[in-house]
Amino acid sequence: MAGSVHEMIARRVARFVDRAPDWDAFADARVEGYRRAQHRFIGVGASGKADASAIPAEHFTLSVMFVPPGQGNAAHTHEVEEVFFILEGKVMVFLEDGAGNRAEAVLGPWDCVSCPANVIHGFQNVGLEPAYLQVMLGKARPALMAYVDGDLQRRREEHLTNVIPAASVQAPGGKNAQAGSGRGPDSRAASRVRGAE
């Protein structure tokens, strides 16, 4: 065991109030219909971005997505299993095969779906309120997602090299997406967490 248990717990606890929502975590998040904010807890997921505040991943990644109504993500695949666990909201999840067949299910709080490796999948918030999803990927450093849409696939690394300044990233509805702004996804959760202390 490297270091004391006190040093270990200091590095292995991640609090939601300390997570910064990243509205530019994925190439598709720049496209209307796919806007969402990633809060990284363990590893960086399939964003490919460095995040020193995340707990280092050893075998899997874990993040929380804030998804406004009507938003979701583009159809994509990963080389590993991906799990969507709904914390709040009403989310439609889908799986597709290469022949265009699609199966959908609407999930609510405490429901989840496990998307197998290399199977096309995605989600959309079909509720009237924002949704929070816990997302896990079955590898410490998964590759960037592979998009079904050819244009998104060609641009899938764009968010890593052409970074939008945080101050200019706007959440849907014109709310500033910066952490600690008192508006947007971080303020609601922060007040909920503070109320639990």
Protein backbone atom coordinates (compact mmCIF):
# COMPACT_ATOMS: atom_id res chain seq x y z
CA MET A 1 0.00 0.00 0.00
CA ALA A 2 1.55 3.28 -1.16
CA GLY A 3 1.14 6.04 1.43
CA SER A 4 -1.01 6.12 4.53
CA VAL A 5 -4.75 5.55 4.51
CA HIS A 6 -5.13 9.27 5.27
CA GLU A 7 -3.20 10.19 2.10
CA MET A 8 -5.14 7.58 0.16
CA ILE A 9 -8.58 8.83 1.18
CA ALA A 10 -7.59 12.43 0.49
CA ARG A 11 -6.83 11.43 -3.12
CA ARG A 12 -9.75 9.02 -3.55
CA VAL A 13 -12.68 11.23 -2.52
CA ALA A 14 -14.33 13.39 -5.18
CA ARG A 15 -17.16 15.72 -4.18
CA PHE A 16 -19.76 16.92 -6.66
CA VAL A 17 -19.40 20.54 -5.50
CA ASP A 18 -15.75 20.38 -6.60
CA ARG A 19 -16.49 19.07 -10.11
CA ALA A 20 -16.57 21.60 -12.94
CA PRO A 21 -19.24 20.94 -15.57
CA ASP A 22 -17.57 20.51 -18.97
CA TRP A 23 -20.01 21.50 -21.74
CA ASP A 24 -17.29 20.82 -24.34
CA ALA A 25 -16.31 17.31 -23.22
CA PHE A 26 -17.18 15.64 -26.54
CA ALA A 27 -17.27 16.63 -30.22
CA ASP A 28 -21.03 16.10 -30.44
CA ALA A 29 -21.69 18.27 -27.37
CA ARG A 30 -21.17 21.30 -29.64
CA VAL A 31 -24.22 20.31 -31.70
CA GLU A 32 -27.81 21.26 -30.77
CA GLY A 33 -29.63 18.14 -29.57
CA TYR A 34 -26.46 16.69 -28.02
CA ARG A 35 -25.57 19.37 -25.45
CA ARG A 36 -24.65 18.03 -22.04
CA ALA A 37 -22.13 18.66 -19.29
CA GLN A 38 -19.73 16.00 -18.04
CA HIS A 39 -18.65 16.02 -14.37
CA ARG A 40 -15.59 13.74 -14.11
CA PHE A 41 -15.13 11.69 -10.93
CA ILE A 42 -12.94 8.67 -11.77
CA GLY A 43 -10.83 9.01 -14.89
CA VAL A 44 -11.92 11.12 -17.83
CA GLY A 45 -14.28 8.70 -19.56
CA ALA A 46 -14.29 8.89 -23.35
CA SER A 47 -13.69 12.66 -23.36
CA GLY A 48 -9.95 12.25 -23.83
CA LYS A 49 -9.35 15.37 -21.77
CA ALA A 50 -6.87 15.65 -18.91
CA ASP A 51 -8.47 16.39 -15.53
CA ALA A 52 -6.20 16.56 -12.50
CA SER A 53 -9.21 16.84 -10.17
CA ALA A 54 -10.55 13.39 -11.16
CA ILE A 55 -9.61 10.32 -9.15
CA PRO A 56 -7.10 8.34 -11.23
CA ALA A 57 -8.80 5.44 -12.99
CA GLU A 58 -7.41 1.93 -12.62
CA HIS A 59 -10.04 -0.33 -14.23
CA PHE A 60 -13.09 1.81 -15.15
CA THR A 61 -14.25 5.43 -15.40
CA LEU A 62 -17.18 7.16 -13.73
CA SER A 63 -18.72 10.51 -14.52
CA VAL A 64 -22.05 12.27 -14.05
CA MET A 65 -23.76 13.89 -17.01
CA PHE A 66 -26.12 16.84 -16.69
CA VAL A 67 -28.54 16.67 -19.64
CA PRO A 68 -31.08 19.46 -20.30
CA PRO A 69 -34.54 18.51 -21.66
CA GLY A 70 -34.45 17.49 -25.32
CA GLN A 71 -30.68 16.97 -25.33
CA GLY A 72 -28.69 13.71 -25.34
CA ASN A 73 -25.78 12.27 -27.26
CA ALA A 74 -25.17 11.12 -30.82
CA ALA A 75 -25.34 7.44 -31.77
CA HIS A 76 -21.91 6.00 -31.03
CA THR A 77 -19.92 2.95 -29.95
CA HIS A 78 -17.08 2.19 -27.56
CA GLU A 79 -14.57 -0.63 -27.52
CA VAL A 80 -15.81 -1.46 -24.00
CA GLU A 81 -19.11 -1.73 -22.16
CA GLU A 82 -20.81 1.54 -21.16
CA VAL A 83 -23.44 1.88 -18.42
CA PHE A 84 -25.98 4.68 -18.05
CA PHE A 85 -27.53 4.83 -14.55
CA ILE A 86 -30.29 7.44 -14.25
CA LEU A 87 -30.03 9.48 -11.05
CA GLU A 88 -32.74 12.05 -11.89
CA GLY A 89 -35.02 12.60 -14.85
CA LYS A 90 -36.59 10.64 -17.67
CA VAL A 91 -34.20 9.36 -20.32
CA MET A 92 -34.79 7.36 -23.49
CA VAL A 93 -31.91 4.99 -24.22
CA PHE A 94 -31.41 3.08 -27.46
CA LEU A 95 -29.39 0.27 -28.97
CA GLU A 96 -29.00 -0.19 -32.74
CA ASP A 97 -27.56 -2.86 -34.97
CA GLY A 98 -25.70 -2.32 -38.23
CA ALA A 99 -28.86 -3.08 -40.25
CA GLY A 100 -30.74 -0.07 -38.86
CA ASN A 101 -32.86 -1.94 -36.33
CA ARG A 102 -33.36 0.09 -33.15
CA ALA A 103 -34.67 -0.80 -29.70
CA GLU A 104 -35.59 1.91 -27.18
CA ALA A 105 -36.51 2.04 -23.50
CA VAL A 106 -37.48 4.99 -21.30
CA LEU A 107 -35.69 4.93 -17.95
CA GLY A 108 -36.37 6.85 -14.76
CA PRO A 109 -34.50 7.38 -11.49
CA TRP A 110 -32.48 4.35 -10.35
CA ASP A 111 -32.92 2.52 -13.68
CA CYS A 112 -29.91 1.60 -15.80
CA VAL A 113 -28.86 0.13 -19.11
CA SER A 114 -25.65 -1.71 -19.95
CA CYS A 115 -24.55 -1.04 -23.53
CA PRO A 116 -22.31 -3.84 -24.85
CA ALA A 117 -18.96 -3.07 -26.46
CA ASN A 118 -19.11 -2.20 -30.17
CA VAL A 119 -22.94 -1.88 -30.20
CA ILE A 120 -24.41 1.44 -31.38
CA HIS A 121 -26.14 3.24 -28.51
CA GLY A 122 -27.08 6.59 -27.02
CA PHE A 123 -29.65 8.51 -24.99
CA GLN A 124 -31.94 11.55 -24.97
CA ASN A 125 -33.61 13.39 -22.09
CA VAL A 126 -37.32 13.01 -22.93
CA GLY A 127 -38.53 14.62 -19.70
CA LEU A 128 -39.48 18.19 -18.91
CA GLU A 129 -36.75 18.57 -16.28
CA PRO A 130 -32.96 18.25 -16.50
CA ALA A 131 -31.59 14.74 -16.06
CA TYR A 132 -28.52 13.48 -14.23
CA LEU A 133 -26.92 10.23 -15.41
CA GLN A 134 -24.07 8.30 -13.89
CA VAL A 135 -21.92 6.98 -16.73
CA MET A 136 -19.35 4.19 -16.41
CA LEU A 137 -16.96 2.81 -19.02
CA GLY A 138 -15.23 -0.54 -18.52
CA LYS A 139 -11.64 0.59 -19.03
CA ALA A 140 -9.34 3.05 -17.25
CA ARG A 141 -8.50 4.89 -20.49
CA PRO A 142 -11.17 4.21 -23.09
CA ALA A 143 -10.72 5.51 -26.62
CA LEU A 144 -12.78 8.45 -27.84
CA MET A 145 -16.28 7.38 -28.84
CA ALA A 146 -16.77 6.28 -32.44
CA TYR A 147 -19.69 8.20 -33.96
CA VAL A 148 -22.09 6.71 -36.49
CA ASP A 149 -22.44 10.14 -38.15
CA GLY A 150 -19.50 10.54 -40.55
CA ASP A 151 -19.12 14.29 -39.99
CA LEU A 152 -18.96 13.88 -36.20
CA GLN A 153 -16.50 11.00 -36.61
CA ARG A 154 -14.20 13.18 -38.72
CA ARG A 155 -14.38 15.91 -36.03
CA ARG A 156 -14.24 13.63 -32.98
CA GLU A 157 -10.95 15.12 -31.73
CA GLU A 158 -11.95 18.73 -32.40
CA HIS A 159 -12.87 19.40 -28.75
CA LEU A 160 -9.32 18.45 -27.71
CA THR A 161 -7.48 20.86 -29.99
CA ASN A 162 -9.99 23.65 -30.64
CA VAL A 163 -11.04 24.42 -27.07
CA ILE A 164 -13.87 26.87 -26.45
CA PRO A 165 -13.08 29.22 -23.50
CA ALA A 166 -15.22 28.27 -20.48
CA ALA A 167 -16.57 31.80 -20.15
CA SER A 168 -18.06 31.60 -23.65
CA VAL A 169 -19.66 28.18 -23.31
CA GLN A 170 -23.36 28.62 -22.75
CA ALA A 171 -25.72 26.05 -21.36
CA PRO A 172 -28.99 25.68 -23.24
CA GLY A 173 -31.28 28.54 -22.28
CA GLY A 174 -28.34 30.98 -22.12
CA LYS A 175 -27.14 30.05 -18.63
CA ASN A 176 -23.43 30.31 -17.97
CA ALA A 177 -21.99 26.82 -17.62
CA GLN A 178 -19.02 27.68 -15.42
CA ALA A 179 -18.81 25.98 -12.04
CA GLY A 180 -19.69 28.20 -9.14
CA SER A 181 -21.67 30.63 -11.29
CA GLY A 182 -24.76 30.23 -9.12
CA ARG A 183 -26.66 29.13 -12.21
CA GLY A 184 -26.77 25.93 -14.21
CA PRO A 185 -26.21 22.33 -13.18
CA ASP A 186 -23.67 22.92 -10.44
CA SER A 187 -25.77 25.23 -8.23
CA ARG A 188 -28.75 22.86 -7.84
CA ALA A 189 -26.59 19.91 -6.87
CA ALA A 190 -24.37 22.01 -4.63
CA SER A 191 -27.35 23.27 -2.65
CA ARG A 192 -28.64 19.71 -2.39
CA VAL A 193 -25.27 18.49 -1.10
CA ARG A 194 -24.91 21.38 1.35
CA GLY A 195 -28.38 20.61 2.69
CA ALA A 196 -27.30 17.03 3.41
CA GLU A 197 -24.30 18.04 5.52
